[in-house]
C-alpha atoms as a PDB file:
ATOM      1  CA  MET A   1       0.000  -0.001   0.006  1.00  0.00           C
ATOM      2  CA  LEU A   2       1.058   3.597  -0.515  1.00  0.00           C
ATOM      3  CA  ARG A   3       2.311   5.476   2.504  1.00  0.00           C
ATOM      4  CA  PHE A   4       2.384   9.227   2.880  1.00  0.00           C
ATOM      5  CA  GLY A   5       5.437  10.547   1.007  1.00  0.00           C
ATOM      6  CA  ASP A   6       5.933   7.447  -1.214  1.00  0.00           C
ATOM      7  CA  LEU A   7       4.924   9.482  -4.220  1.00  0.00           C
ATOM      8  CA  PRO A   8       5.852  13.037  -3.364  1.00  0.00           C
ATOM      9  CA  HIS A   9       3.645  14.733  -6.008  1.00  0.00           C
ATOM     10  CA  LEU A  10       0.518  12.683  -5.239  1.00  0.00           C
ATOM     11  CA  THR A  11      -2.032  14.908  -3.447  1.00  0.00           C
ATOM     12  CA  ASN A  12      -4.898  12.451  -3.160  1.00  0.00           C
ATOM     13  CA  PHE A  13      -6.079   9.035  -4.322  1.00  0.00           C
ATOM     14  CA  SER A  14      -9.816   8.672  -3.759  1.00  0.00           C
ATOM     15  CA  GLN A  15     -13.097   7.318  -4.974  1.00  0.00           C
ATOM     16  CA  ALA A  16     -16.232   9.446  -5.491  1.00  0.00           C
ATOM     17  CA  ARG A  17     -19.795   8.178  -5.801  1.00  0.00           C
ATOM     18  CA  PHE A  18     -22.509  10.306  -7.392  1.00  0.00           C
ATOM     19  CA  ALA A  19     -26.216   9.479  -7.146  1.00  0.00           C
ATOM     20  CA  PRO A  20     -28.294   9.963 -10.331  1.00  0.00           C
ATOM     21  CA  GLY A  21     -28.618  13.689 -10.950  1.00  0.00           C
ATOM     22  CA  GLN A  22     -25.843  14.614  -8.514  1.00  0.00           C
ATOM     23  CA  THR A  23     -23.244  17.160  -9.621  1.00  0.00           C
ATOM     24  CA  ALA A  24     -19.799  18.190  -8.433  1.00  0.00           C
ATOM     25  CA  PRO A  25     -19.668  21.987  -8.876  1.00  0.00           C
ATOM     26  CA  ALA A  26     -17.369  23.547 -11.499  1.00  0.00           C
ATOM     27  CA  HIS A  27     -13.947  24.373 -10.135  1.00  0.00           C
ATOM     28  CA  ALA A  28     -10.266  24.518 -11.146  1.00  0.00           C
ATOM     29  CA  HIS A  29      -6.972  23.723  -9.415  1.00  0.00           C
ATOM     30  CA  GLN A  30      -4.007  26.084  -9.801  1.00  0.00           C
ATOM     31  CA  ASP A  31      -1.433  23.725  -8.323  1.00  0.00           C
ATOM     32  CA  MET A  32      -2.447  20.213  -9.431  1.00  0.00           C
ATOM     33  CA  CYS A  33      -3.760  18.119 -12.291  1.00  0.00           C
ATOM     34  CA  GLU A  34      -6.321  15.332 -11.785  1.00  0.00           C
ATOM     35  CA  VAL A  35      -6.993  11.993 -13.429  1.00  0.00           C
ATOM     36  CA  PHE A  36     -10.453  10.384 -13.271  1.00  0.00           C
ATOM     37  CA  PHE A  37     -11.156   6.724 -14.050  1.00  0.00           C
ATOM     38  CA  VAL A  38     -14.807   5.627 -14.435  1.00  0.00           C
ATOM     39  CA  GLU A  39     -15.452   2.413 -12.505  1.00  0.00           C
ATOM     40  CA  ALA A  40     -19.263   2.201 -12.966  1.00  0.00           C
ATOM     41  CA  GLY A  41     -22.273   4.166 -14.105  1.00  0.00           C
ATOM     42  CA  SER A  42     -22.366   6.979 -16.630  1.00  0.00           C
ATOM     43  CA  GLY A  43     -22.335  10.736 -16.751  1.00  0.00           C
ATOM     44  CA  VAL A  44     -20.525  13.672 -18.274  1.00  0.00           C
ATOM     45  CA  ILE A  45     -17.624  15.865 -17.367  1.00  0.00           C
ATOM     46  CA  HIS A  46     -17.459  19.480 -18.562  1.00  0.00           C
ATOM     47  CA  ILE A  47     -13.900  20.726 -19.130  1.00  0.00           C
ATOM     48  CA  ASP A  48     -13.511  24.382 -20.037  1.00  0.00           C
ATOM     49  CA  GLY A  49     -17.028  24.371 -21.488  1.00  0.00           C
ATOM     50  CA  THR A  50     -16.720  21.173 -23.550  1.00  0.00           C
ATOM     51  CA  GLU A  51     -18.697  18.094 -22.521  1.00  0.00           C
ATOM     52  CA  TYR A  52     -17.146  14.619 -22.528  1.00  0.00           C
ATOM     53  CA  PRO A  53     -18.880  11.280 -21.824  1.00  0.00           C
ATOM     54  CA  LEU A  54     -18.056   9.331 -18.647  1.00  0.00           C
ATOM     55  CA  LEU A  55     -18.511   5.630 -19.305  1.00  0.00           C
ATOM     56  CA  PRO A  56     -16.982   2.557 -17.563  1.00  0.00           C
ATOM     57  CA  GLY A  57     -13.309   2.251 -18.473  1.00  0.00           C
ATOM     58  CA  ASN A  58     -12.956   5.897 -19.603  1.00  0.00           C
ATOM     59  CA  CYS A  59      -9.985   7.816 -18.209  1.00  0.00           C
ATOM     60  CA  VAL A  60      -9.931  11.619 -18.233  1.00  0.00           C
ATOM     61  CA  ALA A  61      -7.023  13.937 -17.380  1.00  0.00           C
ATOM     62  CA  ILE A  62      -7.627  17.485 -16.167  1.00  0.00           C
ATOM     63  CA  GLU A  63      -4.734  19.951 -16.585  1.00  0.00           C
ATOM     64  CA  VAL A  64      -3.832  22.722 -14.133  1.00  0.00           C
ATOM     65  CA  GLY A  65      -6.314  25.620 -14.415  1.00  0.00           C
ATOM     66  CA  GLU A  66      -8.952  23.752 -16.412  1.00  0.00           C
ATOM     67  CA  VAL A  67     -12.459  24.388 -15.077  1.00  0.00           C
ATOM     68  CA  HIS A  68     -14.222  21.033 -14.680  1.00  0.00           C
ATOM     69  CA  LYS A  69     -17.624  19.803 -13.448  1.00  0.00           C
ATOM     70  CA  VAL A  70     -18.877  16.224 -13.076  1.00  0.00           C
ATOM     71  CA  VAL A  71     -22.582  15.340 -13.630  1.00  0.00           C
ATOM     72  CA  ASN A  72     -24.205  11.979 -13.158  1.00  0.00           C
ATOM     73  CA  SER A  73     -26.641  12.067 -16.027  1.00  0.00           C
ATOM     74  CA  GLY A  74     -27.311   8.314 -15.817  1.00  0.00           C
ATOM     75  CA  SER A  75     -29.870   6.312 -13.888  1.00  0.00           C
ATOM     76  CA  THR A  76     -27.411   4.448 -11.649  1.00  0.00           C
ATOM     77  CA  GLU A  77     -24.606   5.444  -9.325  1.00  0.00           C
ATOM     78  CA  LEU A  78     -21.546   6.961 -11.057  1.00  0.00           C
ATOM     79  CA  VAL A  79     -18.303   5.711  -9.439  1.00  0.00           C
ATOM     80  CA  LEU A  80     -15.057   7.532 -10.153  1.00  0.00           C
ATOM     81  CA  THR A  81     -11.567   6.653  -8.849  1.00  0.00           C
ATOM     82  CA  TYR A  82      -9.324   9.700  -9.092  1.00  0.00           C
ATOM     83  CA  PHE A  83      -5.976  11.103  -8.068  1.00  0.00           C
ATOM     84  CA  GLY A  84      -4.307  14.456  -8.050  1.00  0.00           C
ATOM     85  CA  LEU A  85      -0.715  15.326  -8.851  1.00  0.00           C
ATOM     86  CA  ARG A  86       0.869  18.502  -7.494  1.00  0.00           C
ATOM     87  CA  VAL A  87       2.542  20.523 -10.212  1.00  0.00           C
ATOM     88  CA  GLU A  88       5.707  22.393  -9.286  1.00  0.00           C
ATOM     89  CA  LYS A  89       5.557  25.992 -10.372  1.00  0.00           C
ATOM     90  CA  SER A  90       8.550  27.034 -12.463  1.00  0.00           C
ATOM     91  CA  ALA A  91      10.441  30.174 -11.533  1.00  0.00           C
END
């Protein structure tokens, strides 16, 4: 198992579950990128105003500063496993 500090740029490794109709509000990260993997269910992710499908097996990367919002537009629970990677700011 991973221990704190094993991957120094890893900020989180989590799973999110969205009920049908549930939404994660639009937001952006200025210091990390995120990667989402769809485990089950279906929905959409809006990235900088463009909509992409979330279907089992899909993997989506969000770059630093991209505004993103997740919506469970399906009829079953949407399950996402995701992680964040801290991005070092260059001088």
